[in-house]
Amino acid sequence: MDKNTFTPEGVTGAGEPTDMFYRSDVTGPQGAHYELLREAHHSEIDVKRAKAYLKNNFDTVSIKIIKEKEILIIM
């Protein structure tokens, strides 16, 4: 994964403005590392909700927050 681009694999919900895009990198049988894209309108509550979504739905090894201004989004 290139830290200067973000190609989302999914979204943490049904596509509401509070949901966050994510991408992952499988590390092995224990699960995957996830990166959440935090856009300017996301609050701390949105981040907590997105982390909970990933932990509840996937084998999550770690979660990193990527701020929108740090990357170029590719869709």
N, C-alpha and C. Protein backbone atom coordinates (compact mmCIF):
# COMPACT_ATOMS: atom_id res chain seq x y z
N MET A 1 0.84 -1.19 0.00
CA MET A 1 0.00 0.00 0.00
C MET A 1 0.88 1.24 0.00
N ASP A 2 0.53 2.15 -0.82
CA ASP A 2 1.26 3.41 -0.92
C ASP A 2 0.63 4.42 0.02
N LYS A 3 1.43 5.03 0.89
CA LYS A 3 0.89 5.97 1.86
C LYS A 3 0.40 7.27 1.24
N ASN A 4 0.72 7.52 -0.02
CA ASN A 4 0.30 8.76 -0.69
C ASN A 4 -0.99 8.59 -1.49
N THR A 5 -1.50 7.38 -1.59
CA THR A 5 -2.75 7.13 -2.28
C THR A 5 -3.64 6.26 -1.40
N PHE A 6 -4.91 6.31 -1.59
CA PHE A 6 -5.84 5.51 -0.80
C PHE A 6 -6.89 4.93 -1.74
N THR A 7 -6.86 3.64 -1.92
CA THR A 7 -7.83 2.94 -2.74
C THR A 7 -8.73 2.15 -1.80
N PRO A 8 -9.94 2.64 -1.51
CA PRO A 8 -10.78 1.97 -0.53
C PRO A 8 -11.27 0.60 -0.99
N GLU A 9 -11.38 -0.31 -0.02
CA GLU A 9 -11.93 -1.64 -0.26
C GLU A 9 -13.37 -1.73 0.19
N GLY A 10 -13.75 -0.85 1.09
CA GLY A 10 -15.09 -0.91 1.64
C GLY A 10 -15.39 0.29 2.50
N VAL A 11 -16.58 0.26 3.09
CA VAL A 11 -17.03 1.34 3.95
C VAL A 11 -17.62 0.71 5.21
N THR A 12 -17.46 1.40 6.32
CA THR A 12 -17.88 0.86 7.62
C THR A 12 -19.35 1.15 7.90
N GLY A 13 -20.21 0.66 7.06
CA GLY A 13 -21.65 0.86 7.23
C GLY A 13 -22.35 0.86 5.90
N ALA A 14 -23.50 1.54 5.86
CA ALA A 14 -24.34 1.54 4.67
C ALA A 14 -24.13 2.77 3.79
N GLY A 15 -23.06 3.51 4.02
CA GLY A 15 -22.76 4.67 3.19
C GLY A 15 -23.26 5.99 3.74
N GLU A 16 -23.47 6.05 5.04
CA GLU A 16 -23.86 7.32 5.68
C GLU A 16 -22.65 8.24 5.76
N PRO A 17 -22.84 9.56 5.87
CA PRO A 17 -21.71 10.49 5.97
C PRO A 17 -20.78 10.20 7.14
N THR A 18 -21.29 9.56 8.19
CA THR A 18 -20.47 9.24 9.35
C THR A 18 -19.64 7.97 9.17
N ASP A 19 -19.94 7.17 8.15
CA ASP A 19 -19.18 5.96 7.86
C ASP A 19 -17.83 6.34 7.27
N MET A 20 -16.87 5.43 7.40
CA MET A 20 -15.52 5.71 6.92
C MET A 20 -15.07 4.65 5.92
N PHE A 21 -14.31 5.07 4.91
CA PHE A 21 -13.71 4.14 3.96
C PHE A 21 -12.55 3.42 4.64
N TYR A 22 -12.32 2.16 4.23
CA TYR A 22 -11.18 1.43 4.77
C TYR A 22 -10.50 0.62 3.68
N ARG A 23 -9.28 0.22 3.97
CA ARG A 23 -8.54 -0.74 3.16
C ARG A 23 -7.78 -1.64 4.13
N SER A 24 -7.34 -2.79 3.63
CA SER A 24 -6.68 -3.75 4.53
C SER A 24 -5.48 -4.39 3.86
N ASP A 25 -4.67 -4.99 4.71
CA ASP A 25 -3.50 -5.74 4.27
C ASP A 25 -3.44 -6.99 5.14
N VAL A 26 -3.73 -8.15 4.55
CA VAL A 26 -3.77 -9.39 5.31
C VAL A 26 -2.36 -9.74 5.78
N THR A 27 -2.25 -10.06 7.07
CA THR A 27 -0.94 -10.38 7.66
C THR A 27 -0.73 -11.87 7.83
N GLY A 28 -1.78 -12.64 7.75
CA GLY A 28 -1.67 -14.09 7.92
C GLY A 28 -2.91 -14.62 8.61
N PRO A 29 -2.81 -15.79 9.23
CA PRO A 29 -3.98 -16.40 9.83
C PRO A 29 -4.58 -15.60 10.98
N GLN A 30 -3.82 -14.70 11.59
CA GLN A 30 -4.35 -13.92 12.70
C GLN A 30 -5.25 -12.77 12.24
N GLY A 31 -5.20 -12.40 10.97
CA GLY A 31 -6.08 -11.35 10.48
C GLY A 31 -5.38 -10.35 9.59
N ALA A 32 -5.86 -9.10 9.65
CA ALA A 32 -5.36 -8.06 8.75
C ALA A 32 -5.14 -6.75 9.49
N HIS A 33 -4.26 -5.95 8.91
CA HIS A 33 -4.06 -4.57 9.35
C HIS A 33 -5.04 -3.73 8.55
N TYR A 34 -5.72 -2.80 9.19
CA TYR A 34 -6.70 -1.94 8.52
C TYR A 34 -6.27 -0.49 8.61
N GLU A 35 -6.62 0.26 7.57
CA GLU A 35 -6.44 1.70 7.56
C GLU A 35 -7.80 2.33 7.30
N LEU A 36 -8.16 3.29 8.14
CA LEU A 36 -9.41 4.03 7.99
C LEU A 36 -9.09 5.42 7.46
N LEU A 37 -9.87 5.87 6.49
CA LEU A 37 -9.71 7.21 5.95
C LEU A 37 -10.56 8.18 6.76
N ARG A 38 -9.91 9.08 7.48
CA ARG A 38 -10.63 10.09 8.25
C ARG A 38 -10.72 11.37 7.42
N GLU A 39 -11.94 11.64 6.96
CA GLU A 39 -12.19 12.86 6.20
C GLU A 39 -12.46 14.01 7.16
N ALA A 40 -12.43 15.22 6.65
CA ALA A 40 -12.55 16.42 7.48
C ALA A 40 -13.82 16.44 8.33
N HIS A 41 -14.90 15.87 7.85
CA HIS A 41 -16.17 15.92 8.57
C HIS A 41 -16.32 14.83 9.63
N HIS A 42 -15.38 13.90 9.73
CA HIS A 42 -15.49 12.82 10.71
C HIS A 42 -15.12 13.28 12.12
N SER A 43 -15.92 12.87 13.09
CA SER A 43 -15.66 13.19 14.50
C SER A 43 -14.95 12.02 15.18
N GLU A 44 -14.55 12.22 16.42
CA GLU A 44 -13.95 11.14 17.20
C GLU A 44 -14.95 9.99 17.38
N ILE A 45 -16.22 10.33 17.52
CA ILE A 45 -17.25 9.29 17.65
C ILE A 45 -17.33 8.46 16.38
N ASP A 46 -17.23 9.09 15.23
CA ASP A 46 -17.23 8.37 13.95
C ASP A 46 -16.06 7.39 13.89
N VAL A 47 -14.89 7.84 14.35
CA VAL A 47 -13.70 6.98 14.33
C VAL A 47 -13.91 5.79 15.26
N LYS A 48 -14.42 6.03 16.45
CA LYS A 48 -14.67 4.93 17.39
C LYS A 48 -15.68 3.94 16.83
N ARG A 49 -16.70 4.45 16.20
CA ARG A 49 -17.73 3.59 15.59
C ARG A 49 -17.13 2.75 14.45
N ALA A 50 -16.28 3.37 13.65
CA ALA A 50 -15.65 2.66 12.53
C ALA A 50 -14.70 1.57 13.03
N LYS A 51 -13.93 1.88 14.08
CA LYS A 51 -13.04 0.87 14.66
C LYS A 51 -13.84 -0.31 15.19
N ALA A 52 -14.94 -0.02 15.88
CA ALA A 52 -15.79 -1.09 16.41
C ALA A 52 -16.35 -1.95 15.28
N TYR A 53 -16.74 -1.31 14.18
CA TYR A 53 -17.27 -2.04 13.02
C TYR A 53 -16.23 -3.03 12.51
N LEU A 54 -14.99 -2.57 12.33
CA LEU A 54 -13.94 -3.45 11.83
C LEU A 54 -13.67 -4.60 12.79
N LYS A 55 -13.56 -4.29 14.08
CA LYS A 55 -13.29 -5.32 15.08
C LYS A 55 -14.41 -6.34 15.17
N ASN A 56 -15.65 -5.90 15.00
CA ASN A 56 -16.80 -6.81 15.10
C ASN A 56 -17.03 -7.64 13.85
N ASN A 57 -16.52 -7.19 12.71
CA ASN A 57 -16.82 -7.87 11.44
C ASN A 57 -15.64 -8.58 10.79
N PHE A 58 -14.42 -8.32 11.25
CA PHE A 58 -13.23 -8.90 10.63
C PHE A 58 -12.22 -9.30 11.70
N ASP A 59 -11.28 -10.17 11.32
CA ASP A 59 -10.16 -10.49 12.20
C ASP A 59 -9.16 -9.34 12.07
N THR A 60 -9.18 -8.47 13.05
CA THR A 60 -8.42 -7.22 12.99
C THR A 60 -7.18 -7.31 13.86
N VAL A 61 -6.01 -7.14 13.26
CA VAL A 61 -4.75 -7.14 13.99
C VAL A 61 -4.44 -5.74 14.49
N SER A 62 -4.63 -4.74 13.63
CA SER A 62 -4.40 -3.36 14.01
C SER A 62 -5.22 -2.43 13.12
N ILE A 63 -5.40 -1.19 13.60
CA ILE A 63 -6.14 -0.18 12.84
C ILE A 63 -5.34 1.12 12.89
N LYS A 64 -5.11 1.69 11.72
CA LYS A 64 -4.40 2.96 11.60
C LYS A 64 -5.36 3.98 10.97
N ILE A 65 -5.30 5.19 11.46
CA ILE A 65 -6.13 6.27 10.92
C ILE A 65 -5.29 7.09 9.95
N ILE A 66 -5.80 7.26 8.73
CA ILE A 66 -5.15 8.08 7.71
C ILE A 66 -5.99 9.33 7.52
N LYS A 67 -5.38 10.49 7.68
CA LYS A 67 -6.12 11.74 7.49
C LYS A 67 -6.20 12.08 6.01
N GLU A 68 -7.34 12.57 5.60
CA GLU A 68 -7.61 12.87 4.20
C GLU A 68 -6.56 13.78 3.58
N LYS A 69 -6.10 14.77 4.31
CA LYS A 69 -5.15 15.73 3.74
C LYS A 69 -3.77 15.14 3.48
N GLU A 70 -3.50 13.94 4.04
CA GLU A 70 -2.20 13.30 3.88
C GLU A 70 -2.09 12.46 2.61
N ILE A 71 -3.21 12.25 1.91
CA ILE A 71 -3.19 11.30 0.81
C ILE A 71 -3.95 11.80 -0.41
N LEU A 72 -3.77 11.09 -1.48
CA LEU A 72 -4.53 11.27 -2.71
C LEU A 72 -5.47 10.09 -2.80
N ILE A 73 -6.75 10.35 -2.96
CA ILE A 73 -7.74 9.26 -3.00
C ILE A 73 -7.92 8.79 -4.45
N ILE A 74 -7.80 7.48 -4.64
CA ILE A 74 -7.98 6.89 -5.96
C ILE A 74 -9.22 6.01 -5.92
N MET A 75 -10.18 6.28 -6.80
CA MET A 75 -11.41 5.47 -6.85
C MET A 75 -11.67 5.04 -8.26
